[in-house]
Amino acid sequence: MLERWQRQLIRSLFHYSAKRMDIERSFLVKHPHVPDHLYKYRQFKTNHLDALNKNVLWLSSPDRFNDPNDAAVSFDSDRFFIEDQSVEEFIASFKEFERAVNAGSNWEPKKLILPVQQGEWRRRIIANLLKDLDIPDKDKFAGFIDELVKKHAADGVRRMSDGFRQGFSVLSLSKNYSSNLMWSHYSESHRGFVIEYDFSKLHYSDLRRRLCFPVFYTKKLRDATRYLARPDMHDFNNLFGQYMCLIKQSVWEYEQEWRIIHAIGPSHANRELEMPEPSAIILGTQVEKVDEGTMRSLCHARKIPLRRMVQQPGSYELKVEDVLV
């Protein structure tokens, strides 16, 4: 269940209507709830160690994540609004759109004078086209055409969702450094390490803090139709994409994830992000001696506190202890 401040954040920043957004209020609501420390689970791989030495982490597009539903967009195109017009007018509008695209010109849809939902308009047009035809089972035939169109629309939804997932840059962090599952999944079965970042020292205006949001966990895939089906596109909230990147299935709730999200486009989505100096490094319970030596040297040279996870006797619980460097 969402906390009160999270509901306020969603209403202020990710409202269906752009006219009801209050961006600065949303950041003020979120600011005191950003965790003092956030963590990144790592392995003793060359690229992870290189990134640590450079003080960077990698932003990735959601299509590269291990969850195929991460940042997936679902919507019902039948509920989109179009102009209530004849078939001839629709074809003329479509040809105008095609000419603009082929010429490389900017094309903006005209303001809707008589908005109607696309599904309603299509079913009415099909019925009008069939009414004068001498064929049996017109209703059945109309239903068959409607289902074909819906199938084509569903393919379009999948294509749009795939493209959408390629266009955002996401850095996943966690407020939980002692999760057995996360140590197992992301830190090579407890043989890796965790980087601790002190977000309490980042200024309110620092983009790493400003663009860091909690993940919202849900049992159902989020339906984006109300964001996309706007009779007035000037009322479209173009931040809805960031919101889609913050929604995950509730089975992932144990990760206690926070995400830094940039809407930067597919060609630049996967890239480095400069991070603050680590406030600590935490070794896993099964770290190899050679890897521990590597980290001791690094932490000593950069004066970074080094700690270790220790499993408590007779328990699955992990506790953190300081390591002298």
C-alpha atoms as a PDB file:
ATOM      1  CA  MET A   1       0.000   0.000   0.000  1.00  0.00           C
ATOM      2  CA  LEU A   2       1.267   3.449  -0.893  1.00  0.00           C
ATOM      3  CA  GLU A   3       2.180   5.884   1.823  1.00  0.00           C
ATOM      4  CA  ARG A   4       0.415   9.231   1.956  1.00  0.00           C
ATOM      5  CA  TRP A   5       3.403  11.196   0.630  1.00  0.00           C
ATOM      6  CA  GLN A   6       3.727   8.783  -2.287  1.00  0.00           C
ATOM      7  CA  ARG A   7       0.092   9.361  -3.257  1.00  0.00           C
ATOM      8  CA  GLN A   8       0.693  13.117  -3.036  1.00  0.00           C
ATOM      9  CA  LEU A   9       3.780  12.752  -5.225  1.00  0.00           C
ATOM     10  CA  ILE A  10       1.853  10.817  -7.887  1.00  0.00           C
ATOM     11  CA  ARG A  11      -1.023  13.316  -7.888  1.00  0.00           C
ATOM     12  CA  SER A  12       1.320  16.297  -8.180  1.00  0.00           C
ATOM     13  CA  LEU A  13       3.785  14.982 -10.756  1.00  0.00           C
ATOM     14  CA  PHE A  14       2.073  12.144 -12.611  1.00  0.00           C
ATOM     15  CA  HIS A  15      -1.529  13.298 -12.793  1.00  0.00           C
ATOM     16  CA  TYR A  16      -3.493  12.280 -15.891  1.00  0.00           C
ATOM     17  CA  SER A  17      -4.024  15.955 -16.657  1.00  0.00           C
ATOM     18  CA  ALA A  18      -1.018  18.210 -17.282  1.00  0.00           C
ATOM     19  CA  LYS A  19      -3.135  21.153 -16.136  1.00  0.00           C
ATOM     20  CA  ARG A  20      -3.275  19.667 -12.645  1.00  0.00           C
ATOM     21  CA  MET A  21       0.467  19.075 -12.296  1.00  0.00           C
ATOM     22  CA  ASP A  22       2.467  20.904  -9.649  1.00  0.00           C
ATOM     23  CA  ILE A  23       6.059  19.899 -10.335  1.00  0.00           C
ATOM     24  CA  GLU A  24       7.794  21.882  -7.636  1.00  0.00           C
ATOM     25  CA  ARG A  25       5.328  20.758  -4.985  1.00  0.00           C
ATOM     26  CA  SER A  26       5.985  17.128  -5.964  1.00  0.00           C
ATOM     27  CA  PHE A  27       9.734  17.548  -5.398  1.00  0.00           C
ATOM     28  CA  LEU A  28       9.119  19.249  -2.068  1.00  0.00           C
ATOM     29  CA  VAL A  29       6.891  16.333  -1.060  1.00  0.00           C
ATOM     30  CA  LYS A  30       9.528  13.772  -2.086  1.00  0.00           C
ATOM     31  CA  HIS A  31      12.634  15.567  -0.792  1.00  0.00           C
ATOM     32  CA  PRO A  32      12.413  14.618   2.928  1.00  0.00           C
ATOM     33  CA  HIS A  33      11.674  10.979   2.060  1.00  0.00           C
ATOM     34  CA  VAL A  34      14.705  10.292  -0.122  1.00  0.00           C
ATOM     35  CA  PRO A  35      16.707   7.771   1.952  1.00  0.00           C
ATOM     36  CA  ASP A  36      19.871   9.078   3.588  1.00  0.00           C
ATOM     37  CA  HIS A  37      21.745   6.176   2.030  1.00  0.00           C
ATOM     38  CA  LEU A  38      21.134   4.212  -1.151  1.00  0.00           C
ATOM     39  CA  TYR A  39      23.018   1.099  -2.252  1.00  0.00           C
ATOM     40  CA  LYS A  40      24.193  -0.587  -5.433  1.00  0.00           C
ATOM     41  CA  TYR A  41      24.935  -4.327  -5.456  1.00  0.00           C
ATOM     42  CA  ARG A  42      28.074  -5.157  -7.455  1.00  0.00           C
ATOM     43  CA  GLN A  43      30.354  -8.043  -8.444  1.00  0.00           C
ATOM     44  CA  PHE A  44      34.138  -8.266  -8.634  1.00  0.00           C
ATOM     45  CA  LYS A  45      34.020  -7.980 -12.408  1.00  0.00           C
ATOM     46  CA  THR A  46      36.357  -5.779 -14.398  1.00  0.00           C
ATOM     47  CA  ASN A  47      33.600  -3.425 -15.589  1.00  0.00           C
ATOM     48  CA  HIS A  48      32.164  -3.047 -12.065  1.00  0.00           C
ATOM     49  CA  LEU A  49      35.582  -2.295 -10.583  1.00  0.00           C
ATOM     50  CA  ASP A  50      36.405   0.127 -13.414  1.00  0.00           C
ATOM     51  CA  ALA A  51      33.133   1.960 -12.771  1.00  0.00           C
ATOM     52  CA  LEU A  52      33.931   2.154  -9.050  1.00  0.00           C
ATOM     53  CA  ASN A  53      37.366   3.580  -9.801  1.00  0.00           C
ATOM     54  CA  LYS A  54      35.799   6.173 -12.121  1.00  0.00           C
ATOM     55  CA  ASN A  55      32.971   6.953  -9.658  1.00  0.00           C
ATOM     56  CA  VAL A  56      30.266   6.166 -12.204  1.00  0.00           C
ATOM     57  CA  LEU A  57      27.336   3.805 -12.548  1.00  0.00           C
ATOM     58  CA  TRP A  58      25.614   2.659 -15.695  1.00  0.00           C
ATOM     59  CA  LEU A  59      22.218   3.938 -16.759  1.00  0.00           C
ATOM     60  CA  SER A  60      20.350   1.282 -18.756  1.00  0.00           C
ATOM     61  CA  SER A  61      17.189   1.233 -20.817  1.00  0.00           C
ATOM     62  CA  PRO A  62      14.469  -0.993 -19.273  1.00  0.00           C
ATOM     63  CA  ASP A  63      14.487  -3.372 -22.250  1.00  0.00           C
ATOM     64  CA  ARG A  64      17.842  -4.641 -20.919  1.00  0.00           C
ATOM     65  CA  PHE A  65      16.483  -5.453 -17.463  1.00  0.00           C
ATOM     66  CA  ASN A  66      15.815  -8.987 -16.218  1.00  0.00           C
ATOM     67  CA  ASP A  67      12.060  -8.368 -15.898  1.00  0.00           C
ATOM     68  CA  PRO A  68      10.330  -8.280 -19.330  1.00  0.00           C
ATOM     69  CA  ASN A  69       7.440  -6.333 -17.789  1.00  0.00           C
ATOM     70  CA  ASP A  70       9.680  -3.610 -16.356  1.00  0.00           C
ATOM     71  CA  ALA A  71       8.411  -0.228 -17.651  1.00  0.00           C
ATOM     72  CA  ALA A  72       6.028  -2.013 -20.038  1.00  0.00           C
ATOM     73  CA  VAL A  73       3.212   0.204 -21.320  1.00  0.00           C
ATOM     74  CA  SER A  74      -0.312  -1.134 -21.709  1.00  0.00           C
ATOM     75  CA  PHE A  75      -3.204   0.817 -23.182  1.00  0.00           C
ATOM     76  CA  ASP A  76      -6.503   0.404 -25.027  1.00  0.00           C
ATOM     77  CA  SER A  77      -6.313   2.290 -28.329  1.00  0.00           C
ATOM     78  CA  ASP A  78     -10.094   1.932 -28.749  1.00  0.00           C
ATOM     79  CA  ARG A  79     -10.421   4.583 -26.033  1.00  0.00           C
ATOM     80  CA  PHE A  80      -8.204   7.077 -27.875  1.00  0.00           C
ATOM     81  CA  PHE A  81     -10.026  10.109 -29.235  1.00  0.00           C
ATOM     82  CA  ILE A  82     -10.183  10.977 -32.930  1.00  0.00           C
ATOM     83  CA  GLU A  83     -12.248  13.431 -34.936  1.00  0.00           C
ATOM     84  CA  ASP A  84     -15.788  12.241 -35.662  1.00  0.00           C
ATOM     85  CA  GLN A  85     -15.596  12.329 -39.450  1.00  0.00           C
ATOM     86  CA  SER A  86     -16.507  10.415 -42.577  1.00  0.00           C
ATOM     87  CA  VAL A  87     -14.302   7.742 -44.128  1.00  0.00           C
ATOM     88  CA  GLU A  88     -13.383  10.176 -46.914  1.00  0.00           C
ATOM     89  CA  GLU A  89     -12.315  12.845 -44.410  1.00  0.00           C
ATOM     90  CA  PHE A  90     -10.337  10.269 -42.435  1.00  0.00           C
ATOM     91  CA  ILE A  91      -8.481   9.110 -45.579  1.00  0.00           C
ATOM     92  CA  ALA A  92      -7.722  12.728 -46.527  1.00  0.00           C
ATOM     93  CA  SER A  93      -6.314  13.398 -43.038  1.00  0.00           C
ATOM     94  CA  PHE A  94      -4.207  10.253 -43.184  1.00  0.00           C
ATOM     95  CA  LYS A  95      -2.789  11.228 -46.595  1.00  0.00           C
ATOM     96  CA  GLU A  96      -1.914  14.652 -45.203  1.00  0.00           C
ATOM     97  CA  PHE A  97      -0.051  12.936 -42.367  1.00  0.00           C
ATOM     98  CA  GLU A  98       1.781  10.653 -44.830  1.00  0.00           C
ATOM     99  CA  ARG A  99       2.855  13.599 -47.001  1.00  0.00           C
ATOM    100  CA  ALA A 100       4.249  15.439 -43.980  1.00  0.00           C
ATOM    101  CA  VAL A 101       6.181  12.362 -42.802  1.00  0.00           C
ATOM    102  CA  ASN A 102       7.597  11.658 -46.284  1.00  0.00           C
ATOM    103  CA  ALA A 103       8.653  15.302 -46.630  1.00  0.00           C
ATOM    104  CA  GLY A 104      10.298  15.263 -43.211  1.00  0.00           C
ATOM    105  CA  SER A 105       8.007  18.042 -42.013  1.00  0.00           C
ATOM    106  CA  ASN A 106       6.662  18.470 -38.530  1.00  0.00           C
ATOM    107  CA  TRP A 107       3.097  17.276 -38.255  1.00  0.00           C
ATOM    108  CA  GLU A 108       0.763  18.071 -35.401  1.00  0.00           C
ATOM    109  CA  PRO A 109      -2.743  16.688 -35.117  1.00  0.00           C
ATOM    110  CA  LYS A 110      -5.457  19.276 -35.416  1.00  0.00           C
ATOM    111  CA  LYS A 111      -7.495  20.187 -32.397  1.00  0.00           C
ATOM    112  CA  LEU A 112     -10.501  17.871 -32.144  1.00  0.00           C
ATOM    113  CA  ILE A 113     -13.775  19.631 -32.799  1.00  0.00           C
ATOM    114  CA  LEU A 114     -16.029  16.593 -32.462  1.00  0.00           C
ATOM    115  CA  PRO A 115     -14.013  14.046 -30.435  1.00  0.00           C
ATOM    116  CA  VAL A 116     -15.157  10.445 -30.416  1.00  0.00           C
ATOM    117  CA  GLN A 117     -13.480   7.328 -29.108  1.00  0.00           C
ATOM    118  CA  GLN A 118     -11.721   5.382 -31.834  1.00  0.00           C
ATOM    119  CA  GLY A 119     -13.474   2.076 -31.141  1.00  0.00           C
ATOM    120  CA  GLU A 120     -16.919   3.634 -31.245  1.00  0.00           C
ATOM    121  CA  TRP A 121     -16.116   5.469 -34.490  1.00  0.00           C
ATOM    122  CA  ARG A 122     -14.717   2.324 -36.147  1.00  0.00           C
ATOM    123  CA  ARG A 123     -17.700   0.154 -35.275  1.00  0.00           C
ATOM    124  CA  ARG A 124     -20.095   2.788 -36.579  1.00  0.00           C
ATOM    125  CA  ILE A 125     -18.130   3.177 -39.846  1.00  0.00           C
ATOM    126  CA  ILE A 126     -18.035  -0.594 -40.358  1.00  0.00           C
ATOM    127  CA  ALA A 127     -21.793  -0.819 -39.808  1.00  0.00           C
ATOM    128  CA  ASN A 128     -22.420   2.013 -42.314  1.00  0.00           C
ATOM    129  CA  LEU A 129     -20.187   0.411 -44.917  1.00  0.00           C
ATOM    130  CA  LEU A 130     -21.941  -2.947 -44.558  1.00  0.00           C
ATOM    131  CA  LYS A 131     -25.548  -1.799 -44.382  1.00  0.00           C
ATOM    132  CA  ASP A 132     -26.061  -1.618 -48.161  1.00  0.00           C
ATOM    133  CA  LEU A 133     -24.144  -4.809 -48.955  1.00  0.00           C
ATOM    134  CA  ASP A 134     -26.122  -7.948 -49.722  1.00  0.00           C
ATOM    135  CA  ILE A 135     -24.203 -10.428 -47.589  1.00  0.00           C
ATOM    136  CA  PRO A 136     -25.442 -12.880 -44.932  1.00  0.00           C
ATOM    137  CA  ASP A 137     -24.619 -12.508 -41.209  1.00  0.00           C
ATOM    138  CA  LYS A 138     -23.586  -8.854 -41.431  1.00  0.00           C
ATOM    139  CA  ASP A 139     -23.241  -8.603 -37.648  1.00  0.00           C
ATOM    140  CA  LYS A 140     -20.955 -11.618 -37.581  1.00  0.00           C
ATOM    141  CA  PHE A 141     -18.877 -10.218 -40.440  1.00  0.00           C
ATOM    142  CA  ALA A 142     -18.675  -6.824 -38.720  1.00  0.00           C
ATOM    143  CA  GLY A 143     -17.506  -8.540 -35.548  1.00  0.00           C
ATOM    144  CA  PHE A 144     -14.868 -10.446 -37.502  1.00  0.00           C
ATOM    145  CA  ILE A 145     -13.478  -7.206 -39.004  1.00  0.00           C
ATOM    146  CA  ASP A 146     -13.530  -5.564 -35.587  1.00  0.00           C
ATOM    147  CA  GLU A 147     -11.506  -8.421 -34.083  1.00  0.00           C
ATOM    148  CA  LEU A 148      -8.939  -8.198 -36.886  1.00  0.00           C
ATOM    149  CA  VAL A 149      -8.530  -4.479 -36.225  1.00  0.00           C
ATOM    150  CA  LYS A 150      -8.166  -5.132 -32.484  1.00  0.00           C
ATOM    151  CA  LYS A 151      -5.485  -7.748 -33.122  1.00  0.00           C
ATOM    152  CA  HIS A 152      -3.585  -5.257 -35.272  1.00  0.00           C
ATOM    153  CA  ALA A 153      -3.980  -2.648 -32.517  1.00  0.00           C
ATOM    154  CA  ALA A 154      -2.616  -5.105 -29.913  1.00  0.00           C
ATOM    155  CA  ASP A 155       0.475  -5.618 -32.089  1.00  0.00           C
ATOM    156  CA  GLY A 156       0.832  -1.842 -32.183  1.00  0.00           C
ATOM    157  CA  VAL A 157       0.645  -1.677 -28.397  1.00  0.00           C
ATOM    158  CA  ARG A 158       3.466  -4.214 -28.103  1.00  0.00           C
ATOM    159  CA  ARG A 159       5.612  -2.329 -30.628  1.00  0.00           C
ATOM    160  CA  MET A 160       5.033   0.963 -28.846  1.00  0.00           C
ATOM    161  CA  SER A 161       5.806  -0.607 -25.469  1.00  0.00           C
ATOM    162  CA  ASP A 162       9.043  -2.111 -26.817  1.00  0.00           C
ATOM    163  CA  GLY A 163      10.078   1.227 -28.274  1.00  0.00           C
ATOM    164  CA  PHE A 164       9.121   3.040 -25.093  1.00  0.00           C
ATOM    165  CA  ARG A 165      11.295   0.724 -22.970  1.00  0.00           C
ATOM    166  CA  GLN A 166      14.304   1.557 -25.153  1.00  0.00           C
ATOM    167  CA  GLY A 167      14.026   5.323 -24.681  1.00  0.00           C
ATOM    168  CA  PHE A 168      14.587   5.823 -20.961  1.00  0.00           C
ATOM    169  CA  SER A 169      17.776   5.762 -18.899  1.00  0.00           C
ATOM    170  CA  VAL A 170      17.302   4.081 -15.535  1.00  0.00           C
ATOM    171  CA  LEU A 171      19.689   3.539 -12.635  1.00  0.00           C
ATOM    172  CA  SER A 172      18.412   1.103 -10.012  1.00  0.00           C
ATOM    173  CA  LEU A 173      19.442   1.562  -6.382  1.00  0.00           C
ATOM    174  CA  SER A 174      18.142   0.057  -3.167  1.00  0.00           C
ATOM    175  CA  LYS A 175      17.559   1.271   0.372  1.00  0.00           C
ATOM    176  CA  ASN A 176      18.224  -2.294   1.586  1.00  0.00           C
ATOM    177  CA  TYR A 177      21.855  -3.461   1.879  1.00  0.00           C
ATOM    178  CA  SER A 178      21.167  -6.664   3.853  1.00  0.00           C
ATOM    179  CA  SER A 179      18.829  -8.618   1.574  1.00  0.00           C
ATOM    180  CA  ASN A 180      19.908 -12.252   1.222  1.00  0.00           C
ATOM    181  CA  LEU A 181      18.050 -12.458  -2.100  1.00  0.00           C
ATOM    182  CA  MET A 182      19.748  -9.395  -3.533  1.00  0.00           C
ATOM    183  CA  TRP A 183      23.184 -10.506  -2.382  1.00  0.00           C
ATOM    184  CA  SER A 184      22.475 -13.819  -4.111  1.00  0.00           C
ATOM    185  CA  HIS A 185      21.040 -12.381  -7.352  1.00  0.00           C
ATOM    186  CA  TYR A 186      23.167  -9.277  -7.913  1.00  0.00           C
ATOM    187  CA  SER A 187      26.410  -9.859  -6.005  1.00  0.00           C
ATOM    188  CA  GLU A 188      27.452 -13.303  -7.181  1.00  0.00           C
ATOM    189  CA  SER A 189      26.017 -15.316  -4.302  1.00  0.00           C
ATOM    190  CA  HIS A 190      27.425 -13.039  -1.564  1.00  0.00           C
ATOM    191  CA  ARG A 191      30.905 -12.978  -3.165  1.00  0.00           C
ATOM    192  CA  GLY A 192      30.521  -9.398  -4.381  1.00  0.00           C
ATOM    193  CA  PHE A 193      30.155  -6.034  -2.689  1.00  0.00           C
ATOM    194  CA  VAL A 194      27.721  -3.178  -2.168  1.00  0.00           C
ATOM    195  CA  ILE A 195      28.470   0.498  -2.721  1.00  0.00           C
ATOM    196  CA  GLU A 196      26.868   2.894  -0.244  1.00  0.00           C
ATOM    197  CA  TYR A 197      26.045   6.446  -1.381  1.00  0.00           C
ATOM    198  CA  ASP A 198      25.173   9.221   1.059  1.00  0.00           C
ATOM    199  CA  PHE A 199      22.248  10.996  -0.581  1.00  0.00           C
ATOM    200  CA  SER A 200      21.699  13.164   2.492  1.00  0.00           C
ATOM    201  CA  LYS A 201      24.719  15.215   1.378  1.00  0.00           C
ATOM    202  CA  LEU A 202      23.279  15.908  -2.080  1.00  0.00           C
ATOM    203  CA  HIS A 203      21.696  19.346  -2.443  1.00  0.00           C
ATOM    204  CA  TYR A 204      17.986  19.646  -3.186  1.00  0.00           C
ATOM    205  CA  SER A 205      18.820  20.862  -6.709  1.00  0.00           C
ATOM    206  CA  ASP A 206      21.284  18.032  -7.470  1.00  0.00           C
ATOM    207  CA  LEU A 207      19.755  16.108 -10.396  1.00  0.00           C
ATOM    208  CA  ARG A 208      20.811  12.781  -8.912  1.00  0.00           C
ATOM    209  CA  ARG A 209      18.567  13.544  -5.944  1.00  0.00           C
ATOM    210  CA  ARG A 210      15.906  15.448  -7.848  1.00  0.00           C
ATOM    211  CA  LEU A 211      15.412  12.677 -10.415  1.00  0.00           C
ATOM    212  CA  CYS A 212      15.535   9.864  -7.846  1.00  0.00           C
ATOM    213  CA  PHE A 213      12.125   8.318  -7.154  1.00  0.00           C
ATOM    214  CA  PRO A 214      10.726   5.374  -5.229  1.00  0.00           C
ATOM    215  CA  VAL A 215       9.471   2.388  -7.183  1.00  0.00           C
ATOM    216  CA  PHE A 216       5.740   1.741  -6.775  1.00  0.00           C
ATOM    217  CA  TYR A 217       4.845  -1.934  -6.501  1.00  0.00           C
ATOM    218  CA  THR A 218       1.557  -3.251  -7.866  1.00  0.00           C
ATOM    219  CA  LYS A 219      -0.155  -6.547  -8.597  1.00  0.00           C
ATOM    220  CA  LYS A 220      -1.450  -5.397 -12.008  1.00  0.00           C
ATOM    221  CA  LEU A 221       0.250  -3.981 -15.095  1.00  0.00           C
ATOM    222  CA  ARG A 222      -0.369  -0.243 -15.217  1.00  0.00           C
ATOM    223  CA  ASP A 223      -2.884   0.899 -17.861  1.00  0.00           C
ATOM    224  CA  ALA A 224      -1.665   4.124 -19.500  1.00  0.00           C
ATOM    225  CA  THR A 225      -4.826   4.729 -21.540  1.00  0.00           C
ATOM    226  CA  ARG A 226      -5.974   7.705 -19.480  1.00  0.00           C
ATOM    227  CA  TYR A 227      -2.628   9.399 -20.105  1.00  0.00           C
ATOM    228  CA  LEU A 228      -2.681   8.829 -23.851  1.00  0.00           C
ATOM    229  CA  ALA A 229      -6.402   9.173 -24.592  1.00  0.00           C
ATOM    230  CA  ARG A 230      -6.704  12.944 -24.181  1.00  0.00           C
ATOM    231  CA  PRO A 231      -9.286  14.872 -26.246  1.00  0.00           C
ATOM    232  CA  ASP A 232      -6.994  17.893 -25.786  1.00  0.00           C
ATOM    233  CA  MET A 233      -3.340  16.929 -26.319  1.00  0.00           C
ATOM    234  CA  HIS A 234      -2.268  20.175 -24.644  1.00  0.00           C
ATOM    235  CA  ASP A 235      -3.486  18.427 -21.486  1.00  0.00           C
ATOM    236  CA  PHE A 236      -1.062  15.531 -22.049  1.00  0.00           C
ATOM    237  CA  ASN A 237       1.349  14.895 -19.150  1.00  0.00           C
ATOM    238  CA  ASN A 238       4.643  14.156 -20.871  1.00  0.00           C
ATOM    239  CA  LEU A 239       6.095  12.878 -17.580  1.00  0.00           C
ATOM    240  CA  PHE A 240       3.874   9.808 -17.684  1.00  0.00           C
ATOM    241  CA  GLY A 241       6.820   7.849 -19.123  1.00  0.00           C
ATOM    242  CA  GLN A 242       8.870   8.375 -15.990  1.00  0.00           C
ATOM    243  CA  TYR A 243       5.910   7.095 -13.989  1.00  0.00           C
ATOM    244  CA  MET A 244       5.733   3.918 -16.095  1.00  0.00           C
ATOM    245  CA  CYS A 245       9.434   3.355 -15.307  1.00  0.00           C
ATOM    246  CA  LEU A 246       8.617   3.474 -11.585  1.00  0.00           C
ATOM    247  CA  ILE A 247       5.981   0.732 -11.589  1.00  0.00           C
ATOM    248  CA  LYS A 248       6.979  -2.867 -10.913  1.00  0.00           C
ATOM    249  CA  GLN A 249       5.183  -6.072 -10.033  1.00  0.00           C
ATOM    250  CA  SER A 250       4.759  -6.533  -6.287  1.00  0.00           C
ATOM    251  CA  VAL A 251       6.916  -9.705  -6.286  1.00  0.00           C
ATOM    252  CA  TRP A 252       9.932  -7.342  -6.487  1.00  0.00           C
ATOM    253  CA  GLU A 253       8.929  -5.361  -3.415  1.00  0.00           C
ATOM    254  CA  TYR A 254      11.703  -6.871  -1.281  1.00  0.00           C
ATOM    255  CA  GLU A 255      14.225  -4.853  -3.332  1.00  0.00           C
ATOM    256  CA  GLN A 256      13.008  -1.551  -1.816  1.00  0.00           C
ATOM    257  CA  GLU A 257      14.148   0.095  -5.027  1.00  0.00           C
ATOM    258  CA  TRP A 258      14.718   3.752  -5.856  1.00  0.00           C
ATOM    259  CA  ARG A 259      15.447   4.833  -9.405  1.00  0.00           C
ATOM    260  CA  ILE A 260      17.187   7.732 -11.096  1.00  0.00           C
ATOM    261  CA  ILE A 261      15.409   8.233 -14.426  1.00  0.00           C
ATOM    262  CA  HIS A 262      16.409  10.300 -17.460  1.00  0.00           C
ATOM    263  CA  ALA A 263      14.158  10.583 -20.521  1.00  0.00           C
ATOM    264  CA  ILE A 264      16.917  10.834 -23.098  1.00  0.00           C
ATOM    265  CA  GLY A 265      15.948   8.721 -26.128  1.00  0.00           C
ATOM    266  CA  PRO A 266      17.108   5.312 -27.438  1.00  0.00           C
ATOM    267  CA  SER A 267      20.381   6.501 -28.987  1.00  0.00           C
ATOM    268  CA  HIS A 268      21.732   7.781 -25.654  1.00  0.00           C
ATOM    269  CA  ALA A 269      19.806   5.689 -23.112  1.00  0.00           C
ATOM    270  CA  ASN A 270      22.663   3.404 -22.085  1.00  0.00           C
ATOM    271  CA  ARG A 271      25.454   5.504 -20.653  1.00  0.00           C
ATOM    272  CA  GLU A 272      27.469   6.404 -17.577  1.00  0.00           C
ATOM    273  CA  LEU A 273      26.278   8.622 -14.738  1.00  0.00           C
ATOM    274  CA  GLU A 274      28.752  10.342 -12.444  1.00  0.00           C
ATOM    275  CA  MET A 275      28.124   9.372  -8.818  1.00  0.00           C
ATOM    276  CA  PRO A 276      29.168  10.874  -5.480  1.00  0.00           C
ATOM    277  CA  GLU A 277      32.194   9.468  -3.672  1.00  0.00           C
ATOM    278  CA  PRO A 278      31.036   6.264  -1.926  1.00  0.00           C
ATOM    279  CA  SER A 279      30.346   6.715   1.779  1.00  0.00           C
ATOM    280  CA  ALA A 280      31.203   3.032   2.382  1.00  0.00           C
ATOM    281  CA  ILE A 281      31.885  -0.285   0.670  1.00  0.00           C
ATOM    282  CA  ILE A 282      30.306  -3.445   2.106  1.00  0.00           C
ATOM    283  CA  LEU A 283      31.775  -6.885   1.364  1.00  0.00           C
ATOM    284  CA  GLY A 284      29.641 -10.002   1.012  1.00  0.00           C
ATOM    285  CA  THR A 285      29.848 -12.890   3.474  1.00  0.00           C
ATOM    286  CA  GLN A 286      31.529 -15.172   0.900  1.00  0.00           C
ATOM    287  CA  VAL A 287      34.014 -12.696  -0.592  1.00  0.00           C
ATOM    288  CA  GLU A 288      37.239 -14.254  -1.911  1.00  0.00           C
ATOM    289  CA  LYS A 289      40.509 -13.304  -0.155  1.00  0.00           C
ATOM    290  CA  VAL A 290      42.020 -11.828  -3.321  1.00  0.00           C
ATOM    291  CA  ASP A 291      38.929  -9.692  -3.900  1.00  0.00           C
ATOM    292  CA  GLU A 292      38.938  -8.546  -0.302  1.00  0.00           C
ATOM    293  CA  GLY A 293      42.555  -7.505  -0.736  1.00  0.00           C
ATOM    294  CA  THR A 294      41.665  -5.512  -3.850  1.00  0.00           C
ATOM    295  CA  MET A 295      38.938  -3.670  -1.997  1.00  0.00           C
ATOM    296  CA  ARG A 296      41.082  -3.050   1.081  1.00  0.00           C
ATOM    297  CA  SER A 297      43.681  -1.338  -1.116  1.00  0.00           C
ATOM    298  CA  LEU A 298      41.080   0.764  -2.923  1.00  0.00           C
ATOM    299  CA  CYS A 299      39.337   1.854   0.292  1.00  0.00           C
ATOM    300  CA  HIS A 300      42.655   2.657   1.991  1.00  0.00           C
ATOM    301  CA  ALA A 301      43.795   4.812  -0.942  1.00  0.00           C
ATOM    302  CA  ARG A 302      40.506   6.727  -1.124  1.00  0.00           C
ATOM    303  CA  LYS A 303      39.756   6.767   2.617  1.00  0.00           C
ATOM    304  CA  ILE A 304      36.438   4.974   2.112  1.00  0.00           C
ATOM    305  CA  PRO A 305      35.104   3.023   5.128  1.00  0.00           C
ATOM    306  CA  LEU A 306      35.110  -0.725   4.487  1.00  0.00           C
ATOM    307  CA  ARG A 307      32.526  -3.017   6.066  1.00  0.00           C
ATOM    308  CA  ARG A 308      31.495  -6.648   5.825  1.00  0.00           C
ATOM    309  CA  MET A 309      28.206  -8.518   6.010  1.00  0.00           C
ATOM    310  CA  VAL A 310      28.241 -11.242   8.698  1.00  0.00           C
ATOM    311  CA  GLN A 311      25.573 -13.912   9.074  1.00  0.00           C
ATOM    312  CA  GLN A 312      24.312 -14.161  12.618  1.00  0.00           C
ATOM    313  CA  PRO A 313      24.731 -17.555  14.393  1.00  0.00           C
ATOM    314  CA  GLY A 314      21.619 -19.713  14.131  1.00  0.00           C
ATOM    315  CA  SER A 315      19.888 -17.161  11.925  1.00  0.00           C
ATOM    316  CA  TYR A 316      19.482 -16.071   8.294  1.00  0.00           C
ATOM    317  CA  GLU A 317      19.885 -12.457   9.387  1.00  0.00           C
ATOM    318  CA  LEU A 318      22.832 -10.448   8.067  1.00  0.00           C
ATOM    319  CA  LYS A 319      24.574  -7.795  10.131  1.00  0.00           C
ATOM    320  CA  VAL A 320      27.230  -5.307   9.024  1.00  0.00           C
ATOM    321  CA  GLU A 321      30.602  -4.952  10.758  1.00  0.00           C
ATOM    322  CA  ASP A 322      33.499  -2.529  10.206  1.00  0.00           C
ATOM    323  CA  VAL A 323      36.709  -3.815   8.602  1.00  0.00           C
ATOM    324  CA  LEU A 324      39.970  -2.095   9.443  1.00  0.00           C
ATOM    325  CA  VAL A 325      41.896  -0.872   6.395  1.00  0.00           C
END
